Amino acid sequence: MPNQFDVIVVGGGPAGYVCAIRAAQLGLTTAVVEKEKLGGVCVNIGCIPTKALLHSAYVANLVAHDAKELGIEVGAVKTDYGVAMRRSRKVSEQNSKGVEFLMKKHKVTVLKGSAILAPNRTVRVGKDEHQARKAVVIATGSRVKGIPQIGLEINKTTVISSDEALFLESPPKTLIIVGAGAVGCEFADIFNAFGSKVTLIEALPRILPLEDSESSDTVSKSFKKRGMAVHAGAKVKKATLAKDKAALEVETGGKNENIEAEKVLMAAGRAVNTENLGLQEAGVQLTERGFIKVNPATLETTAPGIYAIGDVAGPPMLAHKGSREGIVAAELIAGHHPQPIKYDNVPSVTYCHPEVASIGMTEEQVKERKLDYQVGRFPFSANGRARTSSETEGFVKIIRDKKYGEILGAHIVGAHASEIIHELAVARQNEYTVEEVDLAIHAHPTLSEAIAEAALDSMGRVVHI
């Protein structure tokens, strides 16, 4: 007889382990299947170690460029990527062990190994079979991918992914990053701070192509000012790899250019982990783009009793989106009636310096929908707190419906953008207008005052510019 649980979650990343915890809180016997470390990509080779390295990069830049202005005399600044890398691994290990503790605390059984789905909500892990009385939840996440058709297959030496970049002992002297989304821009920031000559290549017309164009332009100018080469609207046509270097033929500005570097870091998208799970045999269908097909209201797949959450269930491929799906899936399985997820209100953050955060529509999207709108902006250069910390780069931009004041979208570039975006996330979740944001008194001096001022600007009432 197979071992029985109420819920079996396949994958122990931010979507899976959160789903398991919530299911256990609701009184369901729960198991998680994980072949690697608990915490998934985010904790072990993604969000957490990358942010640890970004903090090291921030401190390196602060000491090297701003210390004297702040009244601090230092000698020559020497960076050591190996030391920063090992610190990032300690942080990741601590977080992974934290997830292990949470599994024990909530009495969630952890099954180590790879899962294969079988009929009747049965999951095979190695030689053992486990049956879910209520539901199986697929949360297997995603992985980096190369572009083998032009010779850019990840070989882990000259062509690396973010996985390998996180374990380097020293930075390459020269580095080409293919893909200038969040991952590409974050690693550009890191390696530039640690002394690499960075070239950033993006096929779409601008870097951070999913963000508002003003945000993209600000980051591009900042990166170029720091000495990075930024090529947007560029197409990699061919890659030639040698033992100790890579050469890319890149079409940019209507001309072909050859760019060489010690290493190429692939940051041009991710592939979902749907192979070798027995999905077809279990009746689980995929979309045309390769994601698992789910009912967005219930997160259930085409196979009754089998759910999918996180990256495999479709974009946005963000840890916090997956975690919320995990909570909602667990509550639905337990017979509760949770609030539906507002997928148009999932914040997006890029943690490079300056940070970029956004929620809702870009101005380009508002124009495409032919909505009547008003934009409010406030630069951090006019914000008292930003001036005190010499972090005046960037702005807050709020796009509101012209008639009713509804916040259609908000975009922040600057220090701590990742933290202060949530005021606008709460506002949009609760359908507050810009007038209601203004009614909340913002402490002075704070960076958040820029949000209040941008709200005022959208109404034609800005005070401090």
Protein backbone atom coordinates (compact mmCIF):
# COMPACT_ATOMS: atom_id res chain seq x y z
CA MET A 1 0.00 0.00 0.00
CA PRO A 2 1.33 3.47 -0.82
CA ASN A 3 2.01 6.00 1.93
CA GLN A 4 -0.94 8.38 2.15
CA PHE A 5 -1.10 12.12 2.68
CA ASP A 6 -3.86 14.66 2.13
CA VAL A 7 -1.59 16.80 -0.06
CA ILE A 8 1.66 16.05 -1.86
CA VAL A 9 3.62 19.06 -3.13
CA VAL A 10 6.21 18.37 -5.84
CA GLY A 11 8.96 20.95 -5.41
CA GLY A 12 10.28 22.70 -2.32
CA GLY A 13 10.85 26.23 -3.64
CA PRO A 14 9.02 29.43 -2.64
CA ALA A 15 5.77 28.22 -4.19
CA GLY A 16 5.96 24.64 -2.95
CA TYR A 17 7.17 25.03 0.61
CA VAL A 18 4.76 27.90 1.30
CA CYS A 19 1.89 25.80 -0.06
CA ALA A 20 2.93 22.93 2.21
CA ILE A 21 3.09 25.15 5.29
CA ARG A 22 -0.35 26.63 4.63
CA ALA A 23 -1.85 23.19 3.96
CA ALA A 24 -0.40 21.93 7.25
CA GLN A 25 -1.75 24.98 9.08
CA LEU A 26 -5.20 24.05 7.77
CA GLY A 27 -4.94 20.56 9.26
CA LEU A 28 -3.98 18.65 6.10
CA THR A 29 -1.29 15.97 6.29
CA THR A 30 1.29 17.18 3.82
CA ALA A 31 4.46 15.99 2.10
CA VAL A 32 6.98 17.86 -0.05
CA VAL A 33 9.08 16.11 -2.69
CA GLU A 34 12.44 17.81 -3.31
CA LYS A 35 15.53 16.39 -5.01
CA GLU A 36 17.82 19.30 -4.11
CA LYS A 37 17.99 21.62 -1.11
CA LEU A 38 14.78 23.02 0.29
CA GLY A 39 14.11 26.61 -0.74
CA GLY A 40 14.50 25.94 -4.45
CA VAL A 41 16.30 28.17 -6.93
CA CYS A 42 15.36 31.37 -5.08
CA VAL A 43 16.99 30.47 -1.78
CA ASN A 44 19.94 28.46 -3.08
CA ILE A 45 21.00 29.79 -6.50
CA GLY A 46 18.74 32.75 -7.16
CA CYS A 47 17.15 35.58 -5.22
CA ILE A 48 18.94 35.26 -1.89
CA PRO A 49 22.62 34.76 -2.88
CA THR A 50 22.28 37.31 -5.68
CA LYS A 51 20.97 39.95 -3.28
CA ALA A 52 23.81 39.18 -0.87
CA LEU A 53 26.30 39.83 -3.69
CA LEU A 54 24.44 42.97 -4.70
CA HIS A 55 24.83 44.30 -1.17
CA SER A 56 28.57 43.66 -1.39
CA ALA A 57 28.59 45.49 -4.73
CA TYR A 58 26.68 48.41 -3.20
CA VAL A 59 29.16 48.72 -0.33
CA ALA A 60 32.12 48.49 -2.72
CA ASN A 61 30.75 51.33 -4.83
CA LEU A 62 29.85 53.38 -1.76
CA VAL A 63 33.33 53.12 -0.28
CA ALA A 64 35.13 53.61 -3.58
CA HIS A 65 33.14 56.58 -4.84
CA ASP A 66 31.25 58.25 -2.00
CA ALA A 67 33.26 57.73 1.19
CA LYS A 68 35.35 60.90 0.87
CA GLU A 69 32.29 63.05 0.27
CA LEU A 70 30.73 61.55 3.39
CA GLY A 71 33.75 62.52 5.48
CA ILE A 72 35.37 59.09 5.57
CA GLU A 73 38.97 58.68 4.42
CA VAL A 74 39.94 55.24 3.12
CA GLY A 75 42.93 53.88 1.28
CA ALA A 76 42.85 52.04 -2.01
CA VAL A 77 39.69 49.92 -2.20
CA LYS A 78 40.38 46.27 -2.93
CA THR A 79 37.50 43.89 -3.68
CA ASP A 80 37.49 40.10 -3.33
CA TYR A 81 34.67 38.35 -5.15
CA GLY A 82 35.56 35.02 -3.54
CA VAL A 83 34.95 36.40 -0.05
CA ALA A 84 31.66 37.99 -1.14
CA MET A 85 30.64 34.74 -2.83
CA ARG A 86 31.33 32.67 0.28
CA ARG A 87 29.33 35.10 2.39
CA SER A 88 26.43 34.77 -0.06
CA ARG A 89 26.62 30.97 0.27
CA LYS A 90 26.39 31.25 4.06
CA VAL A 91 23.31 33.43 3.74
CA SER A 92 21.71 30.92 1.35
CA GLU A 93 22.56 27.98 3.61
CA GLN A 94 21.00 29.78 6.56
CA ASN A 95 17.80 30.37 4.60
CA SER A 96 17.65 26.78 3.36
CA LYS A 97 18.06 25.47 6.89
CA GLY A 98 15.31 27.88 7.90
CA VAL A 99 12.96 26.16 5.45
CA GLU A 100 13.99 22.77 6.90
CA PHE A 101 13.06 24.07 10.34
CA LEU A 102 9.68 25.27 9.07
CA MET A 103 8.95 21.83 7.62
CA LYS A 104 9.63 20.22 10.99
CA LYS A 105 7.69 22.90 12.87
CA HIS A 106 4.58 22.30 10.76
CA LYS A 107 5.06 18.51 10.64
CA VAL A 108 5.47 18.44 6.86
CA THR A 109 7.11 15.25 5.61
CA VAL A 110 10.04 15.85 3.25
CA LEU A 111 10.56 13.16 0.60
CA LYS A 112 14.01 13.39 -0.99
CA GLY A 113 14.21 12.51 -4.66
CA SER A 114 12.59 13.07 -8.05
CA ALA A 115 8.84 12.72 -8.46
CA ILE A 116 6.88 10.96 -11.22
CA LEU A 117 3.12 11.31 -11.36
CA ALA A 118 1.03 8.16 -11.62
CA PRO A 119 -2.76 7.58 -11.80
CA ASN A 120 -5.10 8.29 -8.88
CA ARG A 121 -3.01 11.16 -7.46
CA THR A 122 -0.10 8.81 -6.84
CA VAL A 123 3.46 10.12 -6.80
CA ARG A 124 6.46 7.84 -7.22
CA VAL A 125 9.66 8.90 -5.49
CA GLY A 126 12.38 6.38 -6.21
CA LYS A 127 10.94 2.94 -5.46
CA ASP A 128 8.27 4.28 -3.13
CA GLU A 129 4.72 5.25 -3.95
CA HIS A 130 2.80 7.97 -2.13
CA GLN A 131 -0.85 8.79 -2.62
CA ALA A 132 -2.57 12.14 -2.08
CA ARG A 133 -6.12 11.82 -0.79
CA LYS A 134 -7.03 15.37 -1.80
CA ALA A 135 -4.50 16.89 -4.17
CA VAL A 136 -1.10 16.84 -5.80
CA VAL A 137 0.48 20.29 -6.31
CA ILE A 138 3.18 20.71 -8.95
CA ALA A 139 5.71 23.41 -8.06
CA THR A 140 8.83 22.32 -9.93
CA GLY A 141 10.01 25.80 -10.94
CA SER A 142 12.31 26.74 -13.80
CA ARG A 143 15.94 26.79 -14.90
CA VAL A 144 18.23 28.95 -17.04
CA LYS A 145 18.56 28.19 -20.74
CA GLY A 146 21.06 28.90 -23.48
CA ILE A 147 20.70 29.61 -27.20
CA PRO A 148 22.21 26.47 -28.75
CA GLN A 149 21.14 27.38 -32.29
CA ILE A 150 23.81 30.10 -32.44
CA GLY A 151 26.42 28.23 -30.42
CA LEU A 152 25.56 29.74 -27.03
CA GLU A 153 24.95 26.54 -25.12
CA ILE A 154 25.90 26.74 -21.45
CA ASN A 155 29.16 24.81 -21.02
CA LYS A 156 29.86 26.10 -17.49
CA THR A 157 33.33 27.38 -18.46
CA THR A 158 33.27 30.12 -21.12
CA VAL A 159 29.46 30.23 -21.30
CA ILE A 160 27.92 30.25 -17.86
CA SER A 161 24.54 30.78 -16.26
CA SER A 162 23.70 32.64 -13.09
CA ASP A 163 24.17 29.29 -11.30
CA GLU A 164 27.89 29.17 -12.13
CA ALA A 165 28.33 32.93 -11.66
CA LEU A 166 27.29 32.54 -8.03
CA PHE A 167 30.19 30.15 -7.35
CA LEU A 168 33.09 31.90 -9.10
CA GLU A 169 36.15 32.49 -6.91
CA SER A 170 37.15 35.59 -8.87
CA PRO A 171 35.44 37.84 -11.40
CA PRO A 172 36.36 37.57 -15.09
CA LYS A 173 38.38 40.50 -16.44
CA THR A 174 35.85 40.81 -19.26
CA LEU A 175 32.26 39.62 -19.27
CA ILE A 176 29.46 39.67 -21.83
CA ILE A 177 25.95 39.34 -20.42
CA VAL A 178 23.32 38.22 -22.92
CA GLY A 179 19.90 39.35 -21.74
CA ALA A 180 19.26 42.61 -19.92
CA GLY A 181 16.20 41.75 -17.90
CA ALA A 182 16.30 41.67 -14.11
CA VAL A 183 18.91 38.88 -13.87
CA GLY A 184 21.20 40.38 -16.50
CA CYS A 185 21.11 43.85 -14.98
CA GLU A 186 21.71 42.54 -11.47
CA PHE A 187 24.80 40.59 -12.51
CA ALA A 188 26.03 43.53 -14.58
CA ASP A 189 25.88 45.61 -11.39
CA ILE A 190 27.69 42.96 -9.35
CA PHE A 191 30.56 42.24 -11.72
CA ASN A 192 31.09 45.88 -12.61
CA ALA A 193 31.54 46.65 -8.91
CA PHE A 194 34.08 43.83 -8.59
CA GLY A 195 36.18 45.07 -11.51
CA SER A 196 34.93 43.23 -14.59
CA LYS A 197 34.63 45.09 -17.87
CA VAL A 198 30.95 44.39 -18.57
CA THR A 199 29.13 44.38 -21.91
CA LEU A 200 25.35 44.06 -21.66
CA ILE A 201 23.42 42.83 -24.72
CA GLU A 202 19.63 42.93 -25.09
CA ALA A 203 17.71 41.89 -28.20
CA LEU A 204 14.70 44.09 -27.46
CA PRO A 205 14.87 47.87 -28.04
CA ARG A 206 15.82 48.69 -24.42
CA ILE A 207 17.20 47.06 -21.31
CA LEU A 208 14.68 45.99 -18.66
CA PRO A 209 12.16 45.69 -21.52
CA LEU A 210 9.22 44.81 -19.26
CA GLU A 211 9.59 48.03 -17.27
CA ASP A 212 8.37 51.52 -18.13
CA SER A 213 10.63 53.11 -20.73
CA GLU A 214 11.62 55.94 -18.35
CA SER A 215 12.84 53.37 -15.82
CA SER A 216 14.83 51.53 -18.49
CA ASP A 217 16.42 54.72 -19.78
CA THR A 218 17.47 55.82 -16.29
CA VAL A 219 19.20 52.52 -15.54
CA SER A 220 20.86 52.45 -18.96
CA LYS A 221 22.33 55.92 -18.41
CA SER A 222 23.49 54.95 -14.93
CA PHE A 223 25.21 51.80 -16.20
CA LYS A 224 26.96 53.68 -19.03
CA LYS A 225 28.13 56.32 -16.55
CA ARG A 226 29.75 53.52 -14.54
CA GLY A 227 31.66 52.34 -17.62
CA MET A 228 29.50 49.47 -18.84
CA ALA A 229 28.85 48.97 -22.54
CA VAL A 230 25.09 48.67 -23.12
CA HIS A 231 23.75 47.37 -26.45
CA ALA A 232 19.95 47.31 -26.76
CA GLY A 233 18.16 46.26 -29.93
CA ALA A 234 21.15 43.98 -30.55
CA LYS A 235 21.03 40.48 -32.00
CA VAL A 236 23.66 37.83 -31.32
CA LYS A 237 24.16 36.12 -34.67
CA LYS A 238 27.01 33.75 -33.92
CA ALA A 239 29.19 32.57 -31.04
CA THR A 240 32.72 31.21 -31.35
CA LEU A 241 34.03 29.57 -28.21
CA ALA A 242 37.65 28.87 -27.29
CA LYS A 243 39.13 27.38 -24.13
CA ASP A 244 39.66 30.70 -22.39
CA LYS A 245 37.44 33.17 -24.25
CA ALA A 246 34.28 33.66 -26.26
CA ALA A 247 33.66 35.81 -29.32
CA LEU A 248 30.18 36.97 -30.29
CA GLU A 249 29.11 38.42 -33.59
CA VAL A 250 26.49 41.00 -32.68
CA GLU A 251 24.27 42.99 -35.01
CA THR A 252 23.72 46.39 -33.43
CA GLY A 253 22.74 49.71 -34.99
CA GLY A 254 22.60 48.12 -38.43
CA LYS A 255 26.23 46.99 -38.22
CA ASN A 256 27.95 43.76 -37.25
CA GLU A 257 30.36 43.98 -34.34
CA ASN A 258 32.65 41.32 -32.86
CA ILE A 259 32.83 41.36 -29.07
CA GLU A 260 35.23 39.16 -27.09
CA ALA A 261 35.28 38.31 -23.40
CA GLU A 262 36.63 35.74 -20.96
CA LYS A 263 33.10 34.61 -20.20
CA VAL A 264 29.56 34.96 -21.45
CA LEU A 265 26.78 34.94 -18.89
CA MET A 266 23.45 33.77 -20.29
CA ALA A 267 20.53 35.68 -18.75
CA ALA A 268 18.10 35.50 -21.65
CA GLY A 269 15.15 33.68 -20.19
CA ARG A 270 14.24 30.53 -18.30
CA ALA A 271 12.76 27.15 -19.18
CA VAL A 272 10.15 25.54 -16.94
CA ASN A 273 10.82 22.15 -15.36
CA THR A 274 8.04 19.98 -16.80
CA GLU A 275 10.09 17.11 -18.22
CA ASN A 276 10.16 13.59 -16.76
CA LEU A 277 7.24 14.23 -14.40
CA GLY A 278 4.74 11.95 -16.11
CA LEU A 279 2.47 14.89 -16.89
CA GLN A 280 1.04 13.46 -20.10
CA GLU A 281 0.28 10.12 -18.47
CA ALA A 282 -1.46 11.94 -15.62
CA GLY A 283 -3.60 13.98 -18.02
CA VAL A 284 -1.86 17.29 -17.33
CA GLN A 285 -1.76 19.47 -20.45
CA LEU A 286 0.70 22.23 -21.37
CA THR A 287 0.04 25.58 -23.01
CA GLU A 288 1.52 26.52 -26.39
CA ARG A 289 4.34 28.28 -24.53
CA GLY A 290 5.17 25.17 -22.49
CA PHE A 291 3.67 26.15 -19.14
CA ILE A 292 1.26 23.86 -17.32
CA LYS A 293 -2.29 24.79 -18.25
CA VAL A 294 -4.23 25.88 -15.16
CA ASN A 295 -7.59 27.38 -14.36
CA PRO A 296 -6.51 30.82 -13.02
CA ALA A 297 -9.42 30.88 -10.57
CA THR A 298 -8.65 27.49 -8.99
CA LEU A 299 -5.03 26.77 -10.04
CA GLU A 300 -6.18 23.27 -10.98
CA THR A 301 -4.70 21.64 -14.07
CA THR A 302 -6.56 19.69 -16.74
CA ALA A 303 -6.28 16.64 -14.47
CA PRO A 304 -8.74 16.74 -11.55
CA GLY A 305 -7.02 16.90 -8.18
CA ILE A 306 -3.70 18.06 -9.65
CA TYR A 307 -2.74 21.71 -9.21
CA ALA A 308 0.20 23.78 -10.51
CA ILE A 309 1.75 26.87 -8.94
CA GLY A 310 4.81 29.07 -9.37
CA ASP A 311 6.91 29.34 -12.52
CA VAL A 312 5.48 26.18 -14.15
CA ALA A 313 1.99 27.72 -13.98
CA GLY A 314 2.97 30.72 -16.10
CA PRO A 315 4.20 34.29 -15.77
CA PRO A 316 5.08 36.41 -13.98
CA MET A 317 7.90 34.05 -12.98
CA LEU A 318 8.49 35.61 -9.57
CA ALA A 319 9.02 33.98 -6.18
CA HIS A 320 6.41 36.10 -4.41
CA LYS A 321 3.79 35.33 -7.05
CA GLY A 322 4.47 31.62 -6.57
CA SER A 323 4.22 31.92 -2.79
CA ARG A 324 0.83 33.60 -3.02
CA GLU A 325 -0.36 30.90 -5.41
CA GLY A 326 0.84 28.33 -2.89
CA ILE A 327 -1.29 29.88 -0.15
CA VAL A 328 -4.35 30.17 -2.39
CA ALA A 329 -3.99 26.58 -3.67
CA ALA A 330 -3.73 25.19 -0.13
CA GLU A 331 -6.80 27.12 0.99
CA LEU A 332 -8.81 25.98 -2.03
CA ILE A 333 -7.81 22.35 -1.44
CA ALA A 334 -8.89 22.68 2.19
CA GLY A 335 -12.32 23.91 1.09
CA HIS A 336 -11.83 27.58 1.91
CA HIS A 337 -12.72 30.53 -0.33
CA PRO A 338 -9.62 32.74 -0.56
CA GLN A 339 -9.53 36.08 -2.33
CA PRO A 340 -8.59 35.58 -6.00
CA ILE A 341 -5.08 36.63 -6.95
CA LYS A 342 -4.87 39.96 -8.74
CA TYR A 343 -2.19 39.11 -11.27
CA ASP A 344 -2.12 42.72 -12.45
CA ASN A 345 -1.01 43.78 -8.97
CA VAL A 346 2.13 41.69 -8.53
CA PRO A 347 5.12 43.97 -7.84
CA SER A 348 8.21 43.56 -9.97
CA VAL A 349 11.67 44.47 -8.67
CA THR A 350 15.16 44.57 -10.13
CA TYR A 351 17.74 44.90 -7.34
CA CYS A 352 20.57 46.54 -9.28
CA HIS A 353 21.70 50.02 -8.31
CA PRO A 354 19.66 52.08 -8.78
CA GLU A 355 16.87 49.68 -7.88
CA VAL A 356 13.82 49.44 -10.13
CA ALA A 357 10.34 48.59 -8.85
CA SER A 358 6.97 48.69 -10.54
CA ILE A 359 3.36 47.66 -10.24
CA GLY A 360 0.50 47.79 -12.68
CA MET A 361 0.72 49.14 -16.20
CA THR A 362 3.55 50.99 -17.89
CA GLU A 363 2.79 54.25 -19.69
CA GLU A 364 3.24 52.39 -22.98
CA GLN A 365 0.54 49.89 -21.99
CA VAL A 366 -1.82 52.66 -20.91
CA LYS A 367 -1.37 54.33 -24.30
CA GLU A 368 -2.01 51.04 -26.12
CA ARG A 369 -5.33 50.70 -24.29
CA LYS A 370 -6.20 54.30 -25.21
CA LEU A 371 -6.96 55.18 -21.59
CA ASP A 372 -7.34 58.79 -20.49
CA TYR A 373 -4.54 59.24 -17.97
CA GLN A 374 -2.37 61.69 -16.10
CA VAL A 375 1.25 61.16 -15.01
CA GLY A 376 2.77 62.43 -11.78
CA ARG A 377 6.56 62.41 -11.27
CA PHE A 378 8.87 63.36 -8.46
CA PRO A 379 12.68 63.12 -8.69
CA PHE A 380 14.71 61.89 -5.73
CA SER A 381 17.05 64.81 -6.38
CA ALA A 382 14.35 66.98 -4.79
CA ASN A 383 13.79 64.64 -1.81
CA GLY A 384 15.39 65.62 1.51
CA ARG A 385 16.13 62.08 2.71
CA ALA A 386 17.69 61.12 -0.62
CA ARG A 387 19.96 64.16 -0.42
CA THR A 388 21.09 63.28 3.13
CA SER A 389 22.26 59.85 1.95
CA SER A 390 23.62 61.01 -1.44
CA GLU A 391 21.15 58.73 -3.21
CA THR A 392 19.46 61.25 -5.48
CA GLU A 393 19.38 59.12 -8.64
CA GLY A 394 15.94 58.19 -9.94
CA PHE A 395 12.29 59.12 -9.47
CA VAL A 396 8.77 58.05 -8.55
CA LYS A 397 6.23 57.95 -11.37
CA ILE A 398 2.51 57.41 -10.83
CA ILE A 399 0.07 56.92 -13.69
CA ARG A 400 -3.52 57.63 -12.73
CA ASP A 401 -6.87 57.49 -14.42
CA LYS A 402 -7.66 61.10 -15.27
CA LYS A 403 -11.34 60.98 -14.29
CA TYR A 404 -11.43 58.88 -11.12
CA GLY A 405 -7.87 59.01 -9.79
CA GLU A 406 -7.40 55.22 -9.94
CA ILE A 407 -3.72 54.24 -9.84
CA LEU A 408 -3.13 52.48 -13.17
CA GLY A 409 0.58 51.93 -12.62
CA ALA A 410 3.52 53.07 -10.55
CA HIS A 411 7.25 53.00 -11.25
CA ILE A 412 10.17 53.75 -8.95
CA VAL A 413 13.85 53.97 -9.78
CA GLY A 414 16.21 54.71 -6.93
CA ALA A 415 17.52 53.65 -3.55
CA HIS A 416 15.23 51.25 -1.68
CA ALA A 417 12.67 51.22 -4.51
CA SER A 418 12.07 47.55 -3.64
CA GLU A 419 10.83 48.56 -0.20
CA ILE A 420 8.73 51.65 -0.90
CA ILE A 421 6.81 50.18 -3.88
CA HIS A 422 4.58 48.33 -1.43
CA GLU A 423 2.72 51.45 -0.38
CA LEU A 424 1.42 51.55 -3.93
CA ALA A 425 0.80 47.79 -3.97
CA VAL A 426 -1.46 48.18 -0.94
CA ALA A 427 -3.12 51.21 -2.51
CA ARG A 428 -3.92 49.36 -5.74
CA GLN A 429 -5.03 46.20 -3.92
CA ASN A 430 -7.58 48.27 -1.99
CA GLU A 431 -8.48 50.51 -4.93
CA TYR A 432 -7.25 53.70 -3.28
CA THR A 433 -7.07 56.78 -5.46
CA VAL A 434 -4.16 59.21 -5.64
CA GLU A 435 -6.25 61.55 -3.47
CA GLU A 436 -6.36 58.89 -0.75
CA VAL A 437 -2.60 58.30 -1.00
CA ASP A 438 -2.13 62.03 -0.47
CA LEU A 439 -4.38 61.97 2.63
CA ALA A 440 -1.94 59.62 4.39
CA ILE A 441 0.62 61.81 6.17
CA HIS A 442 4.14 60.75 5.18
CA ALA A 443 6.92 61.16 7.74
CA HIS A 444 9.63 63.71 6.97
CA PRO A 445 12.32 63.21 5.88
CA THR A 446 11.70 59.88 4.12
CA LEU A 447 12.08 58.52 0.61
CA SER A 448 8.37 57.66 0.75
CA GLU A 449 7.56 61.36 0.61
CA ALA A 450 8.42 61.11 -3.07
CA ILE A 451 5.38 58.86 -3.50
CA ALA A 452 3.11 61.46 -1.90
CA GLU A 453 4.65 64.19 -4.07
CA ALA A 454 4.22 62.11 -7.25
CA ALA A 455 0.57 61.58 -6.29
CA LEU A 456 0.22 65.34 -5.85
CA ASP A 457 1.95 65.97 -9.17
CA SER A 458 -0.54 63.71 -10.97
CA MET A 459 -3.23 66.10 -9.68
CA GLY A 460 -1.25 69.24 -10.59
CA ARG A 461 -0.52 70.08 -6.94
CA VAL A 462 3.13 69.09 -6.41
CA VAL A 463 4.79 71.12 -3.62
CA HIS A 464 8.55 70.61 -3.66
CA ILE A 465 9.46 71.06 -7.32
